[in-house]
Amino acid sequence: MSLEQLKAFLEKVKADTSLQEKLKAAKTPEDVVGIAKDHGHEFTADKITGMMELSEEELDGVAGGGNCGPAAMSY
């Protein structure tokens, strides 16, 4: 249940459009945690809340809405 697990999951999401669609349908952080667990990544909803500090551009990149190069993923 670590930040590293969350980062690894986000990397997987960037490359998987079906996973991106599942996340777009998620209504709560707990939904996201469940989807991640189904894909072999474990972290808590509070880790997701911490990610809310990212800019809109960074979040769009993670969600597949834009360019997600190294600059967009700076933590």
N, C-alpha and C. Protein backbone atom coordinates (compact mmCIF):
# COMPACT_ATOMS: atom_id res chain seq x y z
N MET A 1 0.84 -1.18 0.00
CA MET A 1 0.00 0.00 0.00
C MET A 1 0.88 1.24 0.00
N SER A 2 1.58 1.44 -1.08
CA SER A 2 2.55 2.51 -1.08
C SER A 2 2.37 3.43 -2.28
N LEU A 3 3.04 4.54 -2.20
CA LEU A 3 3.04 5.49 -3.30
C LEU A 3 3.68 4.85 -4.53
N GLU A 4 4.66 3.99 -4.33
CA GLU A 4 5.30 3.31 -5.45
C GLU A 4 4.30 2.43 -6.20
N GLN A 5 3.41 1.77 -5.46
CA GLN A 5 2.37 0.95 -6.09
C GLN A 5 1.44 1.82 -6.92
N LEU A 6 1.08 2.98 -6.39
CA LEU A 6 0.22 3.90 -7.11
C LEU A 6 0.90 4.37 -8.39
N LYS A 7 2.16 4.74 -8.29
CA LYS A 7 2.90 5.19 -9.47
C LYS A 7 2.99 4.09 -10.52
N ALA A 8 3.24 2.85 -10.08
CA ALA A 8 3.30 1.73 -11.01
C ALA A 8 1.96 1.51 -11.69
N PHE A 9 0.88 1.65 -10.94
CA PHE A 9 -0.45 1.50 -11.51
C PHE A 9 -0.70 2.59 -12.55
N LEU A 10 -0.32 3.82 -12.25
CA LEU A 10 -0.53 4.92 -13.19
C LEU A 10 0.25 4.70 -14.48
N GLU A 11 1.42 4.12 -14.38
CA GLU A 11 2.19 3.79 -15.59
C GLU A 11 1.44 2.76 -16.43
N LYS A 12 0.85 1.78 -15.78
CA LYS A 12 0.05 0.77 -16.49
C LYS A 12 -1.15 1.43 -17.16
N VAL A 13 -1.79 2.35 -16.47
CA VAL A 13 -2.97 3.03 -16.98
C VAL A 13 -2.63 3.80 -18.26
N LYS A 14 -1.48 4.44 -18.30
CA LYS A 14 -1.10 5.22 -19.47
C LYS A 14 -1.08 4.38 -20.73
N ALA A 15 -0.77 3.10 -20.61
CA ALA A 15 -0.62 2.23 -21.77
C ALA A 15 -1.86 1.39 -22.07
N ASP A 16 -2.90 1.49 -21.26
CA ASP A 16 -4.05 0.59 -21.39
C ASP A 16 -5.34 1.39 -21.48
N THR A 17 -5.87 1.53 -22.70
CA THR A 17 -7.07 2.35 -22.88
C THR A 17 -8.30 1.75 -22.20
N SER A 18 -8.39 0.42 -22.13
CA SER A 18 -9.55 -0.16 -21.46
C SER A 18 -9.50 0.13 -19.96
N LEU A 19 -8.33 0.14 -19.40
CA LEU A 19 -8.16 0.48 -17.99
C LEU A 19 -8.49 1.95 -17.77
N GLN A 20 -8.12 2.81 -18.71
CA GLN A 20 -8.47 4.22 -18.62
C GLN A 20 -9.98 4.40 -18.58
N GLU A 21 -10.69 3.64 -19.40
CA GLU A 21 -12.15 3.74 -19.42
C GLU A 21 -12.76 3.29 -18.09
N LYS A 22 -12.21 2.22 -17.50
CA LYS A 22 -12.70 1.77 -16.20
C LYS A 22 -12.52 2.86 -15.15
N LEU A 23 -11.37 3.52 -15.20
CA LEU A 23 -11.10 4.57 -14.21
C LEU A 23 -12.00 5.78 -14.43
N LYS A 24 -12.30 6.09 -15.67
CA LYS A 24 -13.20 7.21 -15.93
C LYS A 24 -14.58 6.94 -15.35
N ALA A 25 -14.98 5.68 -15.29
CA ALA A 25 -16.29 5.30 -14.76
C ALA A 25 -16.29 5.22 -13.23
N ALA A 26 -15.11 5.20 -12.61
CA ALA A 26 -15.02 5.11 -11.16
C ALA A 26 -15.61 6.36 -10.53
N LYS A 27 -16.41 6.16 -9.50
CA LYS A 27 -17.08 7.28 -8.85
C LYS A 27 -16.40 7.72 -7.55
N THR A 28 -15.63 6.84 -6.95
CA THR A 28 -14.99 7.16 -5.67
C THR A 28 -13.54 6.69 -5.69
N PRO A 29 -12.72 7.23 -4.79
CA PRO A 29 -11.35 6.71 -4.68
C PRO A 29 -11.32 5.21 -4.36
N GLU A 30 -12.32 4.75 -3.61
CA GLU A 30 -12.38 3.33 -3.28
C GLU A 30 -12.60 2.48 -4.53
N ASP A 31 -13.37 3.02 -5.50
CA ASP A 31 -13.56 2.33 -6.77
C ASP A 31 -12.22 2.18 -7.49
N VAL A 32 -11.42 3.23 -7.47
CA VAL A 32 -10.11 3.21 -8.11
C VAL A 32 -9.21 2.18 -7.42
N VAL A 33 -9.24 2.16 -6.10
CA VAL A 33 -8.45 1.19 -5.34
C VAL A 33 -8.83 -0.24 -5.75
N GLY A 34 -10.12 -0.50 -5.90
CA GLY A 34 -10.59 -1.82 -6.30
C GLY A 34 -10.12 -2.20 -7.70
N ILE A 35 -10.18 -1.26 -8.62
CA ILE A 35 -9.71 -1.51 -9.99
C ILE A 35 -8.22 -1.81 -9.97
N ALA A 36 -7.48 -1.02 -9.23
CA ALA A 36 -6.02 -1.23 -9.14
C ALA A 36 -5.72 -2.61 -8.55
N LYS A 37 -6.44 -2.99 -7.51
CA LYS A 37 -6.22 -4.29 -6.88
C LYS A 37 -6.47 -5.43 -7.88
N ASP A 38 -7.50 -5.27 -8.70
CA ASP A 38 -7.79 -6.27 -9.73
C ASP A 38 -6.64 -6.42 -10.72
N HIS A 39 -5.81 -5.38 -10.81
CA HIS A 39 -4.69 -5.39 -11.75
C HIS A 39 -3.34 -5.55 -11.04
N GLY A 40 -3.39 -6.02 -9.79
CA GLY A 40 -2.16 -6.36 -9.08
C GLY A 40 -1.45 -5.25 -8.34
N HIS A 41 -2.14 -4.14 -8.10
CA HIS A 41 -1.53 -3.02 -7.39
C HIS A 41 -2.36 -2.70 -6.16
N GLU A 42 -1.67 -2.55 -5.03
CA GLU A 42 -2.39 -2.26 -3.79
C GLU A 42 -1.90 -0.96 -3.17
N PHE A 43 -2.86 -0.08 -2.94
CA PHE A 43 -2.62 1.17 -2.23
C PHE A 43 -3.95 1.60 -1.65
N THR A 44 -3.91 2.60 -0.79
CA THR A 44 -5.13 3.04 -0.12
C THR A 44 -5.70 4.28 -0.80
N ALA A 45 -6.95 4.55 -0.51
CA ALA A 45 -7.62 5.71 -1.09
C ALA A 45 -6.93 7.01 -0.70
N ASP A 46 -6.27 7.05 0.45
CA ASP A 46 -5.59 8.29 0.85
C ASP A 46 -4.43 8.61 -0.08
N LYS A 47 -3.84 7.60 -0.72
CA LYS A 47 -2.78 7.85 -1.70
C LYS A 47 -3.36 8.58 -2.91
N ILE A 48 -4.57 8.22 -3.27
CA ILE A 48 -5.23 8.87 -4.40
C ILE A 48 -5.54 10.32 -4.05
N THR A 49 -5.99 10.54 -2.84
CA THR A 49 -6.29 11.89 -2.39
C THR A 49 -5.04 12.76 -2.49
N GLY A 50 -3.89 12.19 -2.17
CA GLY A 50 -2.63 12.92 -2.30
C GLY A 50 -2.32 13.28 -3.73
N MET A 51 -2.77 12.45 -4.65
CA MET A 51 -2.55 12.72 -6.06
C MET A 51 -3.40 13.90 -6.54
N MET A 52 -4.43 14.26 -5.79
CA MET A 52 -5.29 15.36 -6.18
C MET A 52 -4.53 16.68 -6.19
N GLU A 53 -3.34 16.69 -5.62
CA GLU A 53 -2.52 17.90 -5.62
C GLU A 53 -1.87 18.15 -6.98
N LEU A 54 -1.97 17.18 -7.89
CA LEU A 54 -1.42 17.35 -9.22
C LEU A 54 -2.22 18.41 -9.97
N SER A 55 -1.58 19.02 -10.94
CA SER A 55 -2.28 20.01 -11.75
C SER A 55 -3.28 19.32 -12.68
N GLU A 56 -4.18 20.09 -13.23
CA GLU A 56 -5.17 19.56 -14.18
C GLU A 56 -4.45 18.92 -15.37
N GLU A 57 -3.38 19.55 -15.85
CA GLU A 57 -2.63 19.02 -17.00
C GLU A 57 -2.05 17.66 -16.67
N GLU A 58 -1.47 17.52 -15.48
CA GLU A 58 -0.90 16.24 -15.07
C GLU A 58 -1.99 15.18 -14.96
N LEU A 59 -3.12 15.54 -14.38
CA LEU A 59 -4.21 14.58 -14.24
C LEU A 59 -4.75 14.15 -15.60
N ASP A 60 -4.87 15.09 -16.53
CA ASP A 60 -5.32 14.74 -17.87
C ASP A 60 -4.35 13.77 -18.53
N GLY A 61 -3.07 13.98 -18.33
CA GLY A 61 -2.07 13.09 -18.90
C GLY A 61 -2.17 11.70 -18.33
N VAL A 62 -2.37 11.58 -17.03
CA VAL A 62 -2.49 10.28 -16.38
C VAL A 62 -3.75 9.57 -16.86
N ALA A 63 -4.82 10.33 -17.07
CA ALA A 63 -6.09 9.74 -17.49
C ALA A 63 -6.14 9.49 -18.99
N GLY A 64 -5.06 9.79 -19.70
CA GLY A 64 -5.04 9.56 -21.13
C GLY A 64 -5.60 10.72 -21.92
N GLY A 65 -5.83 11.85 -21.27
CA GLY A 65 -6.41 12.98 -21.96
C GLY A 65 -5.42 13.89 -22.62
N GLY A 66 -4.15 13.62 -22.46
CA GLY A 66 -3.16 14.50 -23.07
C GLY A 66 -1.80 13.86 -23.09
N ASN A 67 -0.82 14.65 -23.46
CA ASN A 67 0.56 14.17 -23.53
C ASN A 67 1.04 13.89 -22.11
N CYS A 68 1.58 12.74 -21.90
CA CYS A 68 2.01 12.35 -20.56
C CYS A 68 3.49 12.02 -20.57
N GLY A 69 4.28 12.97 -20.99
CA GLY A 69 5.72 12.79 -21.00
C GLY A 69 6.28 12.95 -19.61
N PRO A 70 7.59 12.86 -19.48
CA PRO A 70 8.24 12.96 -18.16
C PRO A 70 7.88 14.23 -17.40
N ALA A 71 7.74 15.35 -18.07
CA ALA A 71 7.40 16.59 -17.38
C ALA A 71 6.03 16.53 -16.75
N ALA A 72 5.11 15.83 -17.39
CA ALA A 72 3.75 15.74 -16.86
C ALA A 72 3.67 14.84 -15.65
N MET A 73 4.63 13.95 -15.47
CA MET A 73 4.59 13.01 -14.36
C MET A 73 5.55 13.38 -13.24
N SER A 74 5.99 14.64 -13.17
CA SER A 74 6.88 15.02 -12.09
C SER A 74 6.10 15.07 -10.78
N TYR A 75 6.58 14.38 -9.81
CA TYR A 75 5.90 14.30 -8.51
C TYR A 75 6.60 15.19 -7.56
